[in-house]
């Protein structure tokens, strides 16, 4: 059974850092595009970063460029989102998602087949 699980969220002060992890059972993540989305209360789900299968090309949304970095650890079958210089507007539930089709990644919600339960990130003083 496929399961995608996020971890690493929490409460952090503005300017702080967090690293989110995404692990999947039933899949070798190298073969699939993986994306991070976030959803704040009352807002639509926003695609913020993704990493392609194979060569691992990446995308970072303008809203987080220069502060967030996505990476993949093949040995641990995990994908990470390193978040630095966090701002209150980064507060949201963060979701990891897997595109069963693989290939180049996008941050279009409809392309993703498997989703984690989400992890809360709260940036507040």
Foldseek 3Di string as FASTA:
>chain_A
DKAKAKDWADEAAQQAKIKMKIAIPPDQQLQWKKWKWWDDPPDDIGTAKIFAHDVTDMDGDPVQPPFWDWDADRVRSMIMIIGGSDDQVVWTWMKMFIQPVTGDDDRDPVRTDHIHPTDTHGYHD
